[in-house]
Amino acid sequence: MRSDVGPFSFAVRVQPNASKTGAGGRGGECLKIRIAAPPVDGKANEALIGFVARRLAVPKSSVQIRSGFSSRRKMMQVEGCSAEQFQSFLAEFES
């Protein structure tokens, strides 16, 4: 049985319309995430949630944008993943 902990909150800075979706490093306290989707009709937000959910192996319903829906800077929250999974996710953003 997996020991779930959380929720984990983190700040992201999104770059929509990128050539491909992926981790883009860190900018201060923010994780930079490149999103291939355009920032139109919530498509970039949906792609962001999908990216985080896939990387943390949790359902999309476990990932929320807590603030910054129409901004490039967002506060995210994820539930249902272990501390080890979350640390592994954060390690993707190290240079």
PDB file of N, CA and C in Angstrom:
ATOM      1  N   MET A   1       0.834  -1.183   0.000  1.00  0.00           N
ATOM      2  CA  MET A   1       0.000   0.000   0.000  1.00  0.00           C
ATOM      3  C   MET A   1       0.876   1.242   0.000  1.00  0.00           C
ATOM      4  N   ARG A   2       0.519   2.200  -0.833  1.00  0.00           N
ATOM      5  CA  ARG A   2       1.280   3.431  -0.979  1.00  0.00           C
ATOM      6  C   ARG A   2       0.909   4.396   0.139  1.00  0.00           C
ATOM      7  N   SER A   3       1.909   5.018   0.754  1.00  0.00           N
ATOM      8  CA  SER A   3       1.607   6.003   1.797  1.00  0.00           C
ATOM      9  C   SER A   3       1.475   7.373   1.151  1.00  0.00           C
ATOM     10  N   ASP A   4       0.246   7.834   0.999  1.00  0.00           N
ATOM     11  CA  ASP A   4      -0.011   9.129   0.379  1.00  0.00           C
ATOM     12  C   ASP A   4       0.105  10.226   1.409  1.00  0.00           C
ATOM     13  N   VAL A   5       0.723  11.290   1.014  1.00  0.00           N
ATOM     14  CA  VAL A   5       0.834  12.468   1.865  1.00  0.00           C
ATOM     15  C   VAL A   5       0.530  13.681   1.020  1.00  0.00           C
ATOM     16  N   GLY A   6       0.460  14.786   1.649  1.00  0.00           N
ATOM     17  CA  GLY A   6       0.157  16.014   0.915  1.00  0.00           C
ATOM     18  C   GLY A   6      -0.992  16.706   1.600  1.00  0.00           C
ATOM     19  N   PRO A   7      -1.519  17.687   1.033  1.00  0.00           N
ATOM     20  CA  PRO A   7      -1.236  18.158  -0.313  1.00  0.00           C
ATOM     21  C   PRO A   7       0.088  18.925  -0.393  1.00  0.00           C
ATOM     22  N   PHE A   8       0.636  19.001  -1.594  1.00  0.00           N
ATOM     23  CA  PHE A   8       1.840  19.773  -1.862  1.00  0.00           C
ATOM     24  C   PHE A   8       1.438  20.977  -2.700  1.00  0.00           C
ATOM     25  N   SER A   9       1.945  22.145  -2.333  1.00  0.00           N
ATOM     26  CA  SER A   9       1.696  23.364  -3.093  1.00  0.00           C
ATOM     27  C   SER A   9       3.014  23.876  -3.656  1.00  0.00           C
ATOM     28  N   PHE A  10       2.940  24.463  -4.837  1.00  0.00           N
ATOM     29  CA  PHE A  10       4.143  25.003  -5.462  1.00  0.00           C
ATOM     30  C   PHE A  10       3.750  26.066  -6.481  1.00  0.00           C
ATOM     31  N   ALA A  11       4.678  26.985  -6.727  1.00  0.00           N
ATOM     32  CA  ALA A  11       4.461  28.062  -7.695  1.00  0.00           C
ATOM     33  C   ALA A  11       5.068  27.667  -9.027  1.00  0.00           C
ATOM     34  N   VAL A  12       4.383  28.031 -10.102  1.00  0.00           N
ATOM     35  CA  VAL A  12       4.900  27.778 -11.443  1.00  0.00           C
ATOM     36  C   VAL A  12       4.840  29.061 -12.261  1.00  0.00           C
ATOM     37  N   ARG A  13       5.721  29.145 -13.211  1.00  0.00           N
ATOM     38  CA  ARG A  13       5.665  30.195 -14.234  1.00  0.00           C
ATOM     39  C   ARG A  13       5.530  29.463 -15.565  1.00  0.00           C
ATOM     40  N   VAL A  14       4.416  29.708 -16.235  1.00  0.00           N
ATOM     41  CA  VAL A  14       4.072  28.979 -17.444  1.00  0.00           C
ATOM     42  C   VAL A  14       4.496  29.767 -18.679  1.00  0.00           C
ATOM     43  N   GLN A  15       5.058  29.059 -19.653  1.00  0.00           N
ATOM     44  CA  GLN A  15       5.363  29.638 -20.959  1.00  0.00           C
ATOM     45  C   GLN A  15       4.464  28.935 -21.977  1.00  0.00           C
ATOM     46  N   PRO A  16       3.305  29.542 -22.303  1.00  0.00           N
ATOM     47  CA  PRO A  16       2.419  28.922 -23.284  1.00  0.00           C
ATOM     48  C   PRO A  16       2.984  29.075 -24.695  1.00  0.00           C
ATOM     49  N   ASN A  17       2.426  28.329 -25.632  1.00  0.00           N
ATOM     50  CA  ASN A  17       2.844  28.363 -27.035  1.00  0.00           C
ATOM     51  C   ASN A  17       4.299  27.947 -27.226  1.00  0.00           C
ATOM     52  N   ALA A  18       4.823  27.135 -26.336  1.00  0.00           N
ATOM     53  CA  ALA A  18       6.197  26.641 -26.474  1.00  0.00           C
ATOM     54  C   ALA A  18       6.236  25.590 -27.585  1.00  0.00           C
ATOM     55  N   SER A  19       7.432  25.286 -28.057  1.00  0.00           N
ATOM     56  CA  SER A  19       7.551  24.293 -29.121  1.00  0.00           C
ATOM     57  C   SER A  19       7.163  22.901 -28.625  1.00  0.00           C
ATOM     58  N   LYS A  20       7.404  22.632 -27.331  1.00  0.00           N
ATOM     59  CA  LYS A  20       6.974  21.368 -26.741  1.00  0.00           C
ATOM     60  C   LYS A  20       6.737  21.574 -25.253  1.00  0.00           C
ATOM     61  N   THR A  21       5.930  20.702 -24.666  1.00  0.00           N
ATOM     62  CA  THR A  21       5.620  20.771 -23.245  1.00  0.00           C
ATOM     63  C   THR A  21       6.725  20.082 -22.451  1.00  0.00           C
ATOM     64  N   GLY A  22       7.172  20.741 -21.371  1.00  0.00           N
ATOM     65  CA  GLY A  22       8.196  20.128 -20.541  1.00  0.00           C
ATOM     66  C   GLY A  22       8.692  21.057 -19.455  1.00  0.00           C
ATOM     67  N   ALA A  23       9.547  20.513 -18.612  1.00  0.00           N
ATOM     68  CA  ALA A  23      10.154  21.284 -17.527  1.00  0.00           C
ATOM     69  C   ALA A  23      11.145  22.278 -18.118  1.00  0.00           C
ATOM     70  N   GLY A  24      11.160  23.481 -17.568  1.00  0.00           N
ATOM     71  CA  GLY A  24      12.043  24.526 -18.084  1.00  0.00           C
ATOM     72  C   GLY A  24      12.994  25.084 -17.057  1.00  0.00           C
ATOM     73  N   GLY A  25      13.221  24.361 -15.966  1.00  0.00           N
ATOM     74  CA  GLY A  25      14.137  24.840 -14.933  1.00  0.00           C
ATOM     75  C   GLY A  25      13.420  25.563 -13.823  1.00  0.00           C
ATOM     76  N   ARG A  26      14.181  26.389 -13.120  1.00  0.00           N
ATOM     77  CA  ARG A  26      13.621  27.166 -12.012  1.00  0.00           C
ATOM     78  C   ARG A  26      13.889  28.638 -12.230  1.00  0.00           C
ATOM     79  N   GLY A  27      13.005  29.437 -11.727  1.00  0.00           N
ATOM     80  CA  GLY A  27      13.171  30.888 -11.714  1.00  0.00           C
ATOM     81  C   GLY A  27      12.851  31.371 -10.321  1.00  0.00           C
ATOM     82  N   GLY A  28      13.856  31.458  -9.469  1.00  0.00           N
ATOM     83  CA  GLY A  28      13.619  31.796  -8.071  1.00  0.00           C
ATOM     84  C   GLY A  28      12.864  30.678  -7.389  1.00  0.00           C
ATOM     85  N   GLU A  29      11.713  30.993  -6.837  1.00  0.00           N
ATOM     86  CA  GLU A  29      10.887  29.998  -6.144  1.00  0.00           C
ATOM     87  C   GLU A  29       9.907  29.293  -7.085  1.00  0.00           C
ATOM     88  N   CYS A  30       9.861  29.711  -8.357  1.00  0.00           N
ATOM     89  CA  CYS A  30       8.908  29.137  -9.311  1.00  0.00           C
ATOM     90  C   CYS A  30       9.543  28.033 -10.140  1.00  0.00           C
ATOM     91  N   LEU A  31       8.737  27.040 -10.444  1.00  0.00           N
ATOM     92  CA  LEU A  31       9.116  26.038 -11.429  1.00  0.00           C
ATOM     93  C   LEU A  31       8.679  26.567 -12.780  1.00  0.00           C
ATOM     94  N   LYS A  32       9.570  26.564 -13.747  1.00  0.00           N
ATOM     95  CA  LYS A  32       9.211  27.017 -15.087  1.00  0.00           C
ATOM     96  C   LYS A  32       8.738  25.808 -15.885  1.00  0.00           C
ATOM     97  N   ILE A  33       7.553  25.943 -16.476  1.00  0.00           N
ATOM     98  CA  ILE A  33       6.985  24.858 -17.269  1.00  0.00           C
ATOM     99  C   ILE A  33       6.585  25.399 -18.632  1.00  0.00           C
ATOM    100  N   ARG A  34       7.126  24.778 -19.668  1.00  0.00           N
ATOM    101  CA  ARG A  34       6.773  25.127 -21.043  1.00  0.00           C
ATOM    102  C   ARG A  34       5.548  24.309 -21.439  1.00  0.00           C
ATOM    103  N   ILE A  35       4.569  24.987 -22.022  1.00  0.00           N
ATOM    104  CA  ILE A  35       3.331  24.341 -22.443  1.00  0.00           C
ATOM    105  C   ILE A  35       3.131  24.619 -23.930  1.00  0.00           C
ATOM    106  N   ALA A  36       2.922  23.571 -24.712  1.00  0.00           N
ATOM    107  CA  ALA A  36       2.750  23.722 -26.155  1.00  0.00           C
ATOM    108  C   ALA A  36       1.390  24.336 -26.514  1.00  0.00           C
ATOM    109  N   ALA A  37       0.425  24.224 -25.648  1.00  0.00           N
ATOM    110  CA  ALA A  37      -0.924  24.727 -25.932  1.00  0.00           C
ATOM    111  C   ALA A  37      -0.971  26.248 -25.839  1.00  0.00           C
ATOM    112  N   PRO A  38      -1.883  26.866 -26.600  1.00  0.00           N
ATOM    113  CA  PRO A  38      -2.039  28.324 -26.528  1.00  0.00           C
ATOM    114  C   PRO A  38      -2.831  28.726 -25.284  1.00  0.00           C
ATOM    115  N   PRO A  39      -2.636  29.974 -24.827  1.00  0.00           N
ATOM    116  CA  PRO A  39      -3.379  30.448 -23.648  1.00  0.00           C
ATOM    117  C   PRO A  39      -4.778  30.939 -24.021  1.00  0.00           C
ATOM    118  N   VAL A  40      -5.528  30.099 -24.701  1.00  0.00           N
ATOM    119  CA  VAL A  40      -6.864  30.458 -25.187  1.00  0.00           C
ATOM    120  C   VAL A  40      -7.864  29.444 -24.663  1.00  0.00           C
ATOM    121  N   ASP A  41      -8.972  29.926 -24.137  1.00  0.00           N
ATOM    122  CA  ASP A  41     -10.069  29.066 -23.673  1.00  0.00           C
ATOM    123  C   ASP A  41      -9.612  28.025 -22.649  1.00  0.00           C
ATOM    124  N   GLY A  42      -8.620  28.345 -21.844  1.00  0.00           N
ATOM    125  CA  GLY A  42      -8.168  27.441 -20.795  1.00  0.00           C
ATOM    126  C   GLY A  42      -7.327  26.272 -21.280  1.00  0.00           C
ATOM    127  N   LYS A  43      -6.933  26.267 -22.555  1.00  0.00           N
ATOM    128  CA  LYS A  43      -6.171  25.130 -23.094  1.00  0.00           C
ATOM    129  C   LYS A  43      -4.809  24.987 -22.434  1.00  0.00           C
ATOM    130  N   ALA A  44      -4.131  26.099 -22.172  1.00  0.00           N
ATOM    131  CA  ALA A  44      -2.816  26.021 -21.516  1.00  0.00           C
ATOM    132  C   ALA A  44      -2.969  25.508 -20.082  1.00  0.00           C
ATOM    133  N   ASN A  45      -4.016  25.933 -19.381  1.00  0.00           N
ATOM    134  CA  ASN A  45      -4.251  25.441 -18.018  1.00  0.00           C
ATOM    135  C   ASN A  45      -4.534  23.943 -18.015  1.00  0.00           C
ATOM    136  N   GLU A  46      -5.335  23.485 -18.968  1.00  0.00           N
ATOM    137  CA  GLU A  46      -5.628  22.047 -19.070  1.00  0.00           C
ATOM    138  C   GLU A  46      -4.356  21.252 -19.353  1.00  0.00           C
ATOM    139  N   ALA A  47      -3.527  21.777 -20.252  1.00  0.00           N
ATOM    140  CA  ALA A  47      -2.273  21.096 -20.583  1.00  0.00           C
ATOM    141  C   ALA A  47      -1.328  21.085 -19.386  1.00  0.00           C
ATOM    142  N   LEU A  48      -1.311  22.172 -18.623  1.00  0.00           N
ATOM    143  CA  LEU A  48      -0.480  22.250 -17.418  1.00  0.00           C
ATOM    144  C   LEU A  48      -0.913  21.198 -16.402  1.00  0.00           C
ATOM    145  N   ILE A  49      -2.195  21.093 -16.155  1.00  0.00           N
ATOM    146  CA  ILE A  49      -2.712  20.107 -15.212  1.00  0.00           C
ATOM    147  C   ILE A  49      -2.363  18.695 -15.691  1.00  0.00           C
ATOM    148  N   GLY A  50      -2.533  18.443 -16.980  1.00  0.00           N
ATOM    149  CA  GLY A  50      -2.193  17.134 -17.538  1.00  0.00           C
ATOM    150  C   GLY A  50      -0.717  16.806 -17.390  1.00  0.00           C
ATOM    151  N   PHE A  51       0.146  17.781 -17.626  1.00  0.00           N
ATOM    152  CA  PHE A  51       1.592  17.578 -17.496  1.00  0.00           C
ATOM    153  C   PHE A  51       1.963  17.214 -16.059  1.00  0.00           C
ATOM    154  N   VAL A  52       1.469  17.997 -15.104  1.00  0.00           N
ATOM    155  CA  VAL A  52       1.782  17.743 -13.692  1.00  0.00           C
ATOM    156  C   VAL A  52       1.227  16.388 -13.264  1.00  0.00           C
ATOM    157  N   ALA A  53       0.001  16.070 -13.654  1.00  0.00           N
ATOM    158  CA  ALA A  53      -0.617  14.792 -13.285  1.00  0.00           C
ATOM    159  C   ALA A  53       0.182  13.610 -13.834  1.00  0.00           C
ATOM    160  N   ARG A  54       0.604  13.699 -15.094  1.00  0.00           N
ATOM    161  CA  ARG A  54       1.403  12.608 -15.687  1.00  0.00           C
ATOM    162  C   ARG A  54       2.727  12.442 -14.957  1.00  0.00           C
ATOM    163  N   ARG A  55       3.409  13.541 -14.692  1.00  0.00           N
ATOM    164  CA  ARG A  55       4.719  13.463 -14.043  1.00  0.00           C
ATOM    165  C   ARG A  55       4.633  12.908 -12.619  1.00  0.00           C
ATOM    166  N   LEU A  56       3.520  13.175 -11.941  1.00  0.00           N
ATOM    167  CA  LEU A  56       3.368  12.706 -10.560  1.00  0.00           C
ATOM    168  C   LEU A  56       2.557  11.417 -10.471  1.00  0.00           C
ATOM    169  N   ALA A  57       2.094  10.900 -11.595  1.00  0.00           N
ATOM    170  CA  ALA A  57       1.319   9.657 -11.648  1.00  0.00           C
ATOM    171  C   ALA A  57       0.084   9.716 -10.751  1.00  0.00           C
ATOM    172  N   VAL A  58      -0.639  10.832 -10.876  1.00  0.00           N
ATOM    173  CA  VAL A  58      -1.898  11.004 -10.145  1.00  0.00           C
ATOM    174  C   VAL A  58      -2.980  11.364 -11.160  1.00  0.00           C
ATOM    175  N   PRO A  59      -4.242  11.176 -10.806  1.00  0.00           N
ATOM    176  CA  PRO A  59      -5.316  11.599 -11.708  1.00  0.00           C
ATOM    177  C   PRO A  59      -5.333  13.125 -11.854  1.00  0.00           C
ATOM    178  N   LYS A  60      -5.821  13.601 -12.987  1.00  0.00           N
ATOM    179  CA  LYS A  60      -5.925  15.049 -13.197  1.00  0.00           C
ATOM    180  C   LYS A  60      -6.756  15.715 -12.109  1.00  0.00           C
ATOM    181  N   SER A  61      -7.723  14.988 -11.572  1.00  0.00           N
ATOM    182  CA  SER A  61      -8.579  15.556 -10.530  1.00  0.00           C
ATOM    183  C   SER A  61      -7.815  15.838  -9.237  1.00  0.00           C
ATOM    184  N   SER A  62      -6.602  15.301  -9.110  1.00  0.00           N
ATOM    185  CA  SER A  62      -5.783  15.535  -7.920  1.00  0.00           C
ATOM    186  C   SER A  62      -4.904  16.773  -8.048  1.00  0.00           C
ATOM    187  N   VAL A  63      -4.928  17.401  -9.229  1.00  0.00           N
ATOM    188  CA  VAL A  63      -4.099  18.580  -9.488  1.00  0.00           C
ATOM    189  C   VAL A  63      -5.012  19.783  -9.656  1.00  0.00           C
ATOM    190  N   GLN A  64      -4.724  20.854  -8.932  1.00  0.00           N
ATOM    191  CA  GLN A  64      -5.551  22.061  -9.001  1.00  0.00           C
ATOM    192  C   GLN A  64      -4.687  23.294  -9.189  1.00  0.00           C
ATOM    193  N   ILE A  65      -5.218  24.247  -9.935  1.00  0.00           N
ATOM    194  CA  ILE A  65      -4.630  25.583  -9.985  1.00  0.00           C
ATOM    195  C   ILE A  65      -5.345  26.375  -8.905  1.00  0.00           C
ATOM    196  N   ARG A  66      -4.618  26.745  -7.862  1.00  0.00           N
ATOM    197  CA  ARG A  66      -5.227  27.439  -6.719  1.00  0.00           C
ATOM    198  C   ARG A  66      -5.380  28.936  -6.977  1.00  0.00           C
ATOM    199  N   SER A  67      -4.472  29.530  -7.745  1.00  0.00           N
ATOM    200  CA  SER A  67      -4.576  30.946  -8.099  1.00  0.00           C
ATOM    201  C   SER A  67      -3.777  31.203  -9.366  1.00  0.00           C
ATOM    202  N   GLY A  68      -4.135  32.293 -10.060  1.00  0.00           N
ATOM    203  CA  GLY A  68      -3.420  32.668 -11.265  1.00  0.00           C
ATOM    204  C   GLY A  68      -3.960  32.037 -12.532  1.00  0.00           C
ATOM    205  N   PHE A  69      -5.259  31.788 -12.594  1.00  0.00           N
ATOM    206  CA  PHE A  69      -5.849  31.115 -13.758  1.00  0.00           C
ATOM    207  C   PHE A  69      -5.531  31.821 -15.075  1.00  0.00           C
ATOM    208  N   SER A  70      -5.540  33.152 -15.065  1.00  0.00           N
ATOM    209  CA  SER A  70      -5.297  33.899 -16.306  1.00  0.00           C
ATOM    210  C   SER A  70      -3.918  34.553 -16.321  1.00  0.00           C
ATOM    211  N   SER A  71      -3.050  34.126 -15.428  1.00  0.00           N
ATOM    212  CA  SER A  71      -1.704  34.676 -15.320  1.00  0.00           C
ATOM    213  C   SER A  71      -0.679  33.609 -15.699  1.00  0.00           C
ATOM    214  N   ARG A  72       0.516  34.049 -16.048  1.00  0.00           N
ATOM    215  CA  ARG A  72       1.585  33.078 -16.293  1.00  0.00           C
ATOM    216  C   ARG A  72       2.091  32.494 -14.982  1.00  0.00           C
ATOM    217  N   ARG A  73       1.983  33.248 -13.897  1.00  0.00           N
ATOM    218  CA  ARG A  73       2.417  32.765 -12.585  1.00  0.00           C
ATOM    219  C   ARG A  73       1.199  32.167 -11.875  1.00  0.00           C
ATOM    220  N   LYS A  74       1.320  30.925 -11.454  1.00  0.00           N
ATOM    221  CA  LYS A  74       0.206  30.210 -10.841  1.00  0.00           C
ATOM    222  C   LYS A  74       0.660  29.501  -9.574  1.00  0.00           C
ATOM    223  N   MET A  75      -0.257  29.308  -8.669  1.00  0.00           N
ATOM    224  CA  MET A  75      -0.033  28.454  -7.504  1.00  0.00           C
ATOM    225  C   MET A  75      -0.791  27.166  -7.757  1.00  0.00           C
ATOM    226  N   MET A  76      -0.074  26.060  -7.656  1.00  0.00           N
ATOM    227  CA  MET A  76      -0.631  24.739  -7.912  1.00  0.00           C
ATOM    228  C   MET A  76      -0.711  23.959  -6.612  1.00  0.00           C
ATOM    229  N   GLN A  77      -1.615  22.999  -6.568  1.00  0.00           N
ATOM    230  CA  GLN A  77      -1.711  22.078  -5.438  1.00  0.00           C
ATOM    231  C   GLN A  77      -1.969  20.687  -5.975  1.00  0.00           C
ATOM    232  N   VAL A  78      -1.270  19.718  -5.398  1.00  0.00           N
ATOM    233  CA  VAL A  78      -1.450  18.330  -5.823  1.00  0.00           C
ATOM    234  C   VAL A  78      -1.648  17.458  -4.596  1.00  0.00           C
ATOM    235  N   GLU A  79      -2.558  16.505  -4.714  1.00  0.00           N
ATOM    236  CA  GLU A  79      -2.825  15.544  -3.646  1.00  0.00           C
ATOM    237  C   GLU A  79      -2.627  14.137  -4.189  1.00  0.00           C
ATOM    238  N   GLY A  80      -2.422  13.191  -3.283  1.00  0.00           N
ATOM    239  CA  GLY A  80      -2.386  11.791  -3.673  1.00  0.00           C
ATOM    240  C   GLY A  80      -1.054  11.280  -4.147  1.00  0.00           C
ATOM    241  N   CYS A  81       0.016  12.023  -3.892  1.00  0.00           N
ATOM    242  CA  CYS A  81       1.340  11.507  -4.261  1.00  0.00           C
ATOM    243  C   CYS A  81       2.212  11.475  -3.015  1.00  0.00           C
ATOM    244  N   SER A  82       3.208  10.637  -3.055  1.00  0.00           N
ATOM    245  CA  SER A  82       4.116  10.520  -1.915  1.00  0.00           C
ATOM    246  C   SER A  82       5.148  11.641  -1.952  1.00  0.00           C
ATOM    247  N   ALA A  83       5.793  11.849  -0.832  1.00  0.00           N
ATOM    248  CA  ALA A  83       6.867  12.848  -0.756  1.00  0.00           C
ATOM    249  C   ALA A  83       7.987  12.489  -1.725  1.00  0.00           C
ATOM    250  N   GLU A  84       8.253  11.204  -1.893  1.00  0.00           N
ATOM    251  CA  GLU A  84       9.308  10.770  -2.819  1.00  0.00           C
ATOM    252  C   GLU A  84       8.942  11.115  -4.254  1.00  0.00           C
ATOM    253  N   GLN A  85       7.688  10.895  -4.631  1.00  0.00           N
ATOM    254  CA  GLN A  85       7.237  11.252  -5.980  1.00  0.00           C
ATOM    255  C   GLN A  85       7.378  12.754  -6.203  1.00  0.00           C
ATOM    256  N   PHE A  86       6.987  13.529  -5.201  1.00  0.00           N
ATOM    257  CA  PHE A  86       7.041  14.979  -5.341  1.00  0.00           C
ATOM    258  C   PHE A  86       8.485  15.451  -5.442  1.00  0.00           C
ATOM    259  N   GLN A  87       9.387  14.892  -4.638  1.00  0.00           N
ATOM    260  CA  GLN A  87      10.799  15.274  -4.713  1.00  0.00           C
ATOM    261  C   GLN A  87      11.394  14.903  -6.069  1.00  0.00           C
ATOM    262  N   SER A  88      11.000  13.781  -6.630  1.00  0.00           N
ATOM    263  CA  SER A  88      11.458  13.368  -7.947  1.00  0.00           C
ATOM    264  C   SER A  88      10.971  14.345  -9.010  1.00  0.00           C
ATOM    265  N   PHE A  89       9.725  14.790  -8.878  1.00  0.00           N
ATOM    266  CA  PHE A  89       9.168  15.787  -9.784  1.00  0.00           C
ATOM    267  C   PHE A  89       9.966  17.082  -9.704  1.00  0.00           C
ATOM    268  N   LEU A  90      10.254  17.548  -8.500  1.00  0.00           N
ATOM    269  CA  LEU A  90      11.030  18.778  -8.333  1.00  0.00           C
ATOM    270  C   LEU A  90      12.431  18.655  -8.922  1.00  0.00           C
ATOM    271  N   ALA A  91      13.004  17.468  -8.842  1.00  0.00           N
ATOM    272  CA  ALA A  91      14.360  17.240  -9.365  1.00  0.00           C
ATOM    273  C   ALA A  91      14.423  17.440 -10.879  1.00  0.00           C
ATOM    274  N   GLU A  92      13.296  17.264 -11.586  1.00  0.00           N
ATOM    275  CA  GLU A  92      13.268  17.493 -13.034  1.00  0.00           C
ATOM    276  C   GLU A  92      13.593  18.944 -13.391  1.00  0.00           C
ATOM    277  N   PHE A  93      13.411  19.845 -12.433  1.00  0.00           N
ATOM    278  CA  PHE A  93      13.591  21.274 -12.693  1.00  0.00           C
ATOM    279  C   PHE A  93      14.961  21.791 -12.287  1.00  0.00           C
ATOM    280  N   GLU A  94      15.808  20.916 -11.781  1.00  0.00           N
ATOM    281  CA  GLU A  94      17.166  21.320 -11.412  1.00  0.00           C
ATOM    282  C   GLU A  94      18.024  21.432 -12.654  1.00  0.00           C
ATOM    283  N   SER A  95      18.865  22.421 -12.675  1.00  0.00           N
ATOM    284  CA  SER A  95      19.737  22.631 -13.853  1.00  0.00           C
ATOM    285  C   SER A  95      20.956  21.763 -13.806  1.00  0.00           C
TER     286      SER A  95
END
